[in-house]
Amino acid sequence: MKPEDRVRLEHMIEAARSALRFMAGRTRTDLDTDLMLLFAVVRAVEIVGEAASRVSAAGRAAMPDVPWPAVIGMRNRLVHAYFDIDKEVVWKTVTEELPPLLTALEAALEGK
């Protein structure tokens, strides 16, 4: 793995872990009522996607378990349509999609 790709994977892992920590013990309704929580989670997901977009094509090809287009697409949607963020999608992303993504990224970083 290229050193630059390793750094980007580390960024993705760190941001994904942050998003999961932010949401720990929270409910879906908290995204509606806690603006700081929403901003923090959205920013963490944006970082996951931005780092993913900077992983080389060879690095992405070596990790087929990672849904690269979806991860990068989510970042693009959050950044470019910031005025129309669907909190339900953010909730599902963090609670359902980030945990298996994090597992895949950690395995890739460990060379498994």
C-alpha atoms as a PDB file:
ATOM      1  CA  MET A   1       0.000   0.000   0.000  1.00  0.00           C
ATOM      2  CA  LYS A   2       1.281   3.450  -0.885  1.00  0.00           C
ATOM      3  CA  PRO A   3       2.185   5.580   2.151  1.00  0.00           C
ATOM      4  CA  GLU A   4      -0.259   8.271   0.990  1.00  0.00           C
ATOM      5  CA  ASP A   5      -3.084   5.727   0.836  1.00  0.00           C
ATOM      6  CA  ARG A   6      -2.227   4.511   4.331  1.00  0.00           C
ATOM      7  CA  VAL A   7      -2.500   8.072   5.649  1.00  0.00           C
ATOM      8  CA  ARG A   8      -5.879   8.536   3.944  1.00  0.00           C
ATOM      9  CA  LEU A   9      -7.154   5.259   5.421  1.00  0.00           C
ATOM     10  CA  GLU A  10      -6.038   6.446   8.847  1.00  0.00           C
ATOM     11  CA  HIS A  11      -7.974   9.687   8.307  1.00  0.00           C
ATOM     12  CA  MET A  12     -11.059   7.732   7.249  1.00  0.00           C
ATOM     13  CA  ILE A  13     -10.817   5.473  10.304  1.00  0.00           C
ATOM     14  CA  GLU A  14     -10.312   8.380  12.694  1.00  0.00           C
ATOM     15  CA  ALA A  15     -13.276  10.313  11.289  1.00  0.00           C
ATOM     16  CA  ALA A  16     -15.534   7.238  11.254  1.00  0.00           C
ATOM     17  CA  ARG A  17     -14.655   6.488  14.874  1.00  0.00           C
ATOM     18  CA  SER A  18     -15.404  10.102  15.762  1.00  0.00           C
ATOM     19  CA  ALA A  19     -18.830   9.969  14.118  1.00  0.00           C
ATOM     20  CA  LEU A  20     -19.635   6.771  16.001  1.00  0.00           C
ATOM     21  CA  ARG A  21     -18.492   8.305  19.300  1.00  0.00           C
ATOM     22  CA  PHE A  22     -20.595  11.407  18.651  1.00  0.00           C
ATOM     23  CA  MET A  23     -23.692   9.247  18.122  1.00  0.00           C
ATOM     24  CA  ALA A  24     -23.052   6.839  21.012  1.00  0.00           C
ATOM     25  CA  GLY A  25     -26.079   6.803  23.293  1.00  0.00           C
ATOM     26  CA  ARG A  26     -27.972   9.176  21.016  1.00  0.00           C
ATOM     27  CA  THR A  27     -31.243   8.707  19.194  1.00  0.00           C
ATOM     28  CA  ARG A  28     -32.395   9.675  15.743  1.00  0.00           C
ATOM     29  CA  THR A  29     -34.348  12.576  17.267  1.00  0.00           C
ATOM     30  CA  ASP A  30     -31.130  14.038  18.630  1.00  0.00           C
ATOM     31  CA  LEU A  31     -30.117  14.942  15.074  1.00  0.00           C
ATOM     32  CA  ASP A  32     -33.246  17.087  14.864  1.00  0.00           C
ATOM     33  CA  THR A  33     -32.740  18.843  18.186  1.00  0.00           C
ATOM     34  CA  ASP A  34     -28.976  19.117  18.642  1.00  0.00           C
ATOM     35  CA  LEU A  35     -27.485  21.291  15.932  1.00  0.00           C
ATOM     36  CA  MET A  36     -23.951  20.838  17.246  1.00  0.00           C
ATOM     37  CA  LEU A  37     -24.329  17.058  17.065  1.00  0.00           C
ATOM     38  CA  LEU A  38     -25.619  17.269  13.498  1.00  0.00           C
ATOM     39  CA  PHE A  39     -22.760  19.521  12.431  1.00  0.00           C
ATOM     40  CA  ALA A  40     -20.167  17.283  14.103  1.00  0.00           C
ATOM     41  CA  VAL A  41     -21.506  14.080  12.567  1.00  0.00           C
ATOM     42  CA  VAL A  42     -21.880  15.617   9.116  1.00  0.00           C
ATOM     43  CA  ARG A  43     -18.325  16.958   9.264  1.00  0.00           C
ATOM     44  CA  ALA A  44     -16.949  13.566  10.280  1.00  0.00           C
ATOM     45  CA  VAL A  45     -18.775  11.859   7.403  1.00  0.00           C
ATOM     46  CA  GLU A  46     -17.493  14.545   5.024  1.00  0.00           C
ATOM     47  CA  ILE A  47     -13.924  13.792   6.132  1.00  0.00           C
ATOM     48  CA  VAL A  48     -14.433  10.072   5.538  1.00  0.00           C
ATOM     49  CA  GLY A  49     -15.542  10.826   1.995  1.00  0.00           C
ATOM     50  CA  GLU A  50     -12.873  13.422   1.287  1.00  0.00           C
ATOM     51  CA  ALA A  51     -10.107  11.080   2.429  1.00  0.00           C
ATOM     52  CA  ALA A  52     -11.669   8.294   0.346  1.00  0.00           C
ATOM     53  CA  SER A  53     -11.580  10.502  -2.730  1.00  0.00           C
ATOM     54  CA  ARG A  54      -7.841  10.889  -2.277  1.00  0.00           C
ATOM     55  CA  VAL A  55      -7.034   7.171  -2.098  1.00  0.00           C
ATOM     56  CA  SER A  56      -5.308   6.162  -5.337  1.00  0.00           C
ATOM     57  CA  ALA A  57      -7.115   4.100  -7.956  1.00  0.00           C
ATOM     58  CA  ALA A  58      -4.747   1.213  -7.217  1.00  0.00           C
ATOM     59  CA  GLY A  59      -5.454   1.537  -3.502  1.00  0.00           C
ATOM     60  CA  ARG A  60      -9.201   1.454  -4.100  1.00  0.00           C
ATOM     61  CA  ALA A  61      -8.872  -1.556  -6.387  1.00  0.00           C
ATOM     62  CA  ALA A  62      -6.962  -3.390  -3.664  1.00  0.00           C
ATOM     63  CA  MET A  63      -9.892  -2.874  -1.266  1.00  0.00           C
ATOM     64  CA  PRO A  64     -12.997  -4.046  -3.152  1.00  0.00           C
ATOM     65  CA  ASP A  65     -14.980  -4.455   0.096  1.00  0.00           C
ATOM     66  CA  VAL A  66     -15.097  -0.674   0.491  1.00  0.00           C
ATOM     67  CA  PRO A  67     -17.984   0.963  -1.399  1.00  0.00           C
ATOM     68  CA  TRP A  68     -15.806   3.789  -2.726  1.00  0.00           C
ATOM     69  CA  PRO A  69     -18.391   5.470  -4.992  1.00  0.00           C
ATOM     70  CA  ALA A  70     -20.989   5.533  -2.201  1.00  0.00           C
ATOM     71  CA  VAL A  71     -18.547   6.919   0.369  1.00  0.00           C
ATOM     72  CA  ILE A  72     -17.319   9.646  -1.959  1.00  0.00           C
ATOM     73  CA  GLY A  73     -20.831  10.344  -3.221  1.00  0.00           C
ATOM     74  CA  MET A  74     -22.078  10.879   0.335  1.00  0.00           C
ATOM     75  CA  ARG A  75     -19.349  13.445   0.909  1.00  0.00           C
ATOM     76  CA  ASN A  76     -20.236  15.243  -2.298  1.00  0.00           C
ATOM     77  CA  ARG A  77     -23.912  15.319  -1.407  1.00  0.00           C
ATOM     78  CA  LEU A  78     -23.240  16.716   2.071  1.00  0.00           C
ATOM     79  CA  VAL A  79     -20.842  19.388   0.839  1.00  0.00           C
ATOM     80  CA  HIS A  80     -22.674  20.529  -2.275  1.00  0.00           C
ATOM     81  CA  ALA A  81     -26.238  20.196  -0.994  1.00  0.00           C
ATOM     82  CA  TYR A  82     -25.551  21.395   2.549  1.00  0.00           C
ATOM     83  CA  PHE A  83     -28.880  23.248   2.488  1.00  0.00           C
ATOM     84  CA  ASP A  84     -30.860  20.039   2.010  1.00  0.00           C
ATOM     85  CA  ILE A  85     -29.301  17.413   4.292  1.00  0.00           C
ATOM     86  CA  ASP A  86     -31.592  14.476   4.976  1.00  0.00           C
ATOM     87  CA  LYS A  87     -31.072  13.683   8.653  1.00  0.00           C
ATOM     88  CA  GLU A  88     -32.546  10.221   8.220  1.00  0.00           C
ATOM     89  CA  VAL A  89     -29.842   9.418   5.659  1.00  0.00           C
ATOM     90  CA  VAL A  90     -27.170  10.781   8.016  1.00  0.00           C
ATOM     91  CA  TRP A  91     -28.562   8.617  10.838  1.00  0.00           C
ATOM     92  CA  LYS A  92     -28.588   5.472   8.701  1.00  0.00           C
ATOM     93  CA  THR A  93     -25.125   6.221   7.363  1.00  0.00           C
ATOM     94  CA  VAL A  94     -23.635   6.475  10.840  1.00  0.00           C
ATOM     95  CA  THR A  95     -25.598   3.720  12.548  1.00  0.00           C
ATOM     96  CA  GLU A  96     -25.789   1.144   9.741  1.00  0.00           C
ATOM     97  CA  GLU A  97     -23.085   1.855   7.190  1.00  0.00           C
ATOM     98  CA  LEU A  98     -20.130   3.231   9.126  1.00  0.00           C
ATOM     99  CA  PRO A  99     -19.599   0.219  11.423  1.00  0.00           C
ATOM    100  CA  PRO A 100     -18.991  -2.286   8.589  1.00  0.00           C
ATOM    101  CA  LEU A 101     -17.018   0.339   6.651  1.00  0.00           C
ATOM    102  CA  LEU A 102     -14.826   0.891   9.692  1.00  0.00           C
ATOM    103  CA  THR A 103     -14.252  -2.858  10.005  1.00  0.00           C
ATOM    104  CA  ALA A 104     -13.224  -3.080   6.332  1.00  0.00           C
ATOM    105  CA  LEU A 105     -10.899  -0.099   6.625  1.00  0.00           C
ATOM    106  CA  GLU A 106      -9.230  -1.413   9.759  1.00  0.00           C
ATOM    107  CA  ALA A 107      -8.720  -4.803   8.126  1.00  0.00           C
ATOM    108  CA  ALA A 108      -7.216  -3.159   5.042  1.00  0.00           C
ATOM    109  CA  LEU A 109      -4.871  -1.084   7.151  1.00  0.00           C
ATOM    110  CA  GLU A 110      -3.741  -4.186   9.037  1.00  0.00           C
ATOM    111  CA  GLY A 111      -3.164  -5.965   5.740  1.00  0.00           C
ATOM    112  CA  LYS A 112      -5.874  -8.591   6.249  1.00  0.00           C
END
